[in-house]
Protein backbone atom coordinates (compact mmCIF):
# COMPACT_ATOMS: atom_id res chain seq x y z
CA UNK A 1 -9.58 15.51 5.89
CA UNK A 2 -6.53 13.50 4.92
CA UNK A 3 -5.69 13.10 1.27
CA UNK A 4 -3.58 10.29 -0.15
CA UNK A 5 -2.27 10.11 -3.69
CA UNK A 6 -0.71 6.94 -5.09
CA UNK A 7 1.68 6.86 -8.00
CA UNK A 8 4.13 4.52 -9.67
CA UNK A 9 1.81 2.01 -11.27
CA UNK A 10 2.32 0.78 -14.79
CA UNK A 11 2.59 -2.13 -17.17
CA UNK A 12 5.40 -4.59 -16.49
CA UNK A 13 6.31 -8.15 -17.34
CA UNK A 14 6.22 -11.06 -14.94
CA UNK A 15 9.35 -11.12 -12.82
CA UNK A 16 9.85 -7.37 -13.01
CA UNK A 17 9.91 -4.96 -10.10
CA UNK A 18 7.88 -1.85 -9.47
CA UNK A 19 7.76 0.73 -6.72
CA UNK A 20 4.62 2.54 -5.61
CA UNK A 21 4.46 5.78 -3.66
CA UNK A 22 1.75 7.26 -1.50
CA UNK A 23 2.00 10.97 -0.78
CA UNK A 24 -0.13 12.20 2.11
CA UNK A 25 -1.33 15.69 2.81
CA UNK A 26 -1.50 17.17 6.26
CA UNK A 27 0.41 16.56 9.45
CA UNK A 28 -1.24 13.39 10.76
CA UNK A 29 0.35 10.92 8.36
CA UNK A 30 3.28 10.36 10.69
CA UNK A 31 0.96 9.27 13.50
CA UNK A 32 -1.23 6.90 11.50
CA UNK A 33 -0.51 3.34 10.45
CA UNK A 34 -0.45 2.96 6.70
CA UNK A 35 -1.70 0.11 4.59
CA UNK A 36 -1.79 -1.03 1.00
CA UNK A 37 -4.75 -2.84 -0.54
CA UNK A 38 -5.42 -3.99 -4.06
CA UNK A 39 -8.43 -4.84 -6.15
CA UNK A 40 -8.23 -7.05 -9.22
CA UNK A 41 -10.95 -7.06 -11.88
CA UNK A 42 -14.00 -8.93 -10.66
CA UNK A 43 -12.57 -9.47 -7.19
CA UNK A 44 -12.97 -7.96 -3.76
CA UNK A 45 -10.47 -5.45 -2.48
CA UNK A 46 -7.81 -7.36 -0.57
CA UNK A 47 -5.17 -6.56 1.98
CA UNK A 48 -1.55 -6.35 0.87
CA UNK A 49 0.61 -4.90 3.63
CA UNK A 50 0.71 -2.42 6.48
CA UNK A 51 3.22 -0.50 8.56
CA UNK A 52 3.02 1.13 11.97
CA UNK A 53 3.12 4.89 12.27
CA UNK A 54 6.60 4.69 13.74
CA UNK A 55 7.72 2.30 11.04
CA UNK A 56 8.79 -0.24 13.62
CA UNK A 57 6.35 -2.97 12.63
CA UNK A 58 5.20 -4.35 9.31
CA UNK A 59 2.73 -6.97 8.20
CA UNK A 60 2.15 -8.69 4.87
CA UNK A 61 -0.44 -10.84 3.23
CA UNK A 62 0.80 -14.35 2.53
CA UNK A 63 0.46 -13.77 -1.19
CA UNK A 64 3.10 -11.04 -1.19
CA UNK A 65 5.29 -11.97 1.76
CA UNK A 66 8.90 -12.20 0.71
CA UNK A 67 8.31 -10.23 -2.48
CA UNK A 68 6.87 -6.90 -1.37
CA UNK A 69 8.32 -4.41 1.09
CA UNK A 70 6.34 -1.64 2.74
CA UNK A 71 8.14 1.39 4.10
CA UNK A 72 7.57 5.03 4.92
CA UNK A 73 9.40 8.33 5.13
CA UNK A 74 7.48 10.47 7.57
CA UNK A 75 9.42 13.71 7.01
CA UNK A 76 8.33 13.42 3.37
CA UNK A 77 4.78 12.37 4.26
CA UNK A 78 5.25 9.44 1.94
CA UNK A 79 4.64 5.72 2.10
CA UNK A 80 6.06 3.15 -0.28
CA UNK A 81 5.43 -0.33 -1.56
CA UNK A 82 8.35 -1.97 -3.32
CA UNK A 83 7.18 -4.94 -5.36
CA UNK A 84 9.63 -7.56 -6.59
CA UNK A 85 9.20 -10.58 -8.86
CA UNK A 86 5.76 -9.49 -9.89
CA UNK A 87 3.28 -12.10 -11.04
CA UNK A 88 0.26 -11.76 -13.33
CA UNK A 89 -1.97 -12.34 -10.31
CA UNK A 90 -0.56 -9.13 -8.81
CA UNK A 91 -2.45 -7.21 -11.48
CA UNK A 92 -4.82 -4.86 -9.69
CA UNK A 93 -5.53 -1.32 -8.72
CA UNK A 94 -3.39 -0.61 -5.67
CA UNK A 95 -4.73 1.66 -2.95
CA UNK A 96 -2.93 3.40 -0.15
CA UNK A 97 -4.81 3.79 3.14
CA UNK A 98 -4.23 5.62 6.41
CA UNK A 99 -5.42 4.07 9.65
CA UNK A 100 -6.48 5.47 12.99
CA UNK A 101 -4.53 8.38 14.37
CA UNK A 102 -2.03 6.96 16.88
CA UNK A 103 -3.39 3.52 16.14
CA UNK A 104 -1.32 0.79 17.72
CA UNK A 105 -2.45 -2.15 15.61
CA UNK A 106 -1.76 -3.19 12.04
CA UNK A 107 -5.16 -3.78 10.49
CA UNK A 108 -5.85 -6.26 7.71
CA UNK A 109 -9.42 -5.19 7.09
CA UNK A 110 -10.69 -2.19 5.18
CA UNK A 111 -12.70 -0.96 8.16
CA UNK A 112 -9.46 -0.42 10.04
CA UNK A 113 -8.54 2.50 7.82
CA UNK A 114 -9.91 6.02 7.78
CA UNK A 115 -8.65 7.44 4.51
CA UNK A 116 -7.97 6.09 1.05
CA UNK A 117 -6.17 7.18 -2.07
CA UNK A 118 -7.57 7.04 -5.57
CA UNK A 119 -5.53 4.03 -6.58
CA UNK A 120 -2.86 3.31 -9.16
CA UNK A 121 -3.05 0.58 -11.77
CA UNK A 122 -0.47 -2.20 -11.80
CA UNK A 123 -0.62 -4.59 -14.73
CA UNK A 124 1.69 -7.59 -14.94
CA UNK A 125 1.82 -9.42 -18.24
CA UNK A 126 3.08 -12.95 -18.80
């Protein structure tokens, strides 16, 4: 099994920045694409961003493009999501996910990921 643990969530004001971390256990993190999803109250879990296992490719949902940056540090088994100019509509539980081992595509759907973290709450007030 692969375990993922998110951290860095909190309560911030609109326009603020916040960085999330995803620490992975095991040795396969470096060979799996990583994604971030979020789920707001009363809404379906939605795609946020993803990054290839090599870190050479990234993809973002339109709602966060230009504001969020996904990155990873494989020697540290850690993925990141840097969020800038946060909006109230960014309020959600944010989940880190690991995709298929050696997967070559950046998936935007939940079924494209094999493992999930427990989530970290991000609340943006106005």
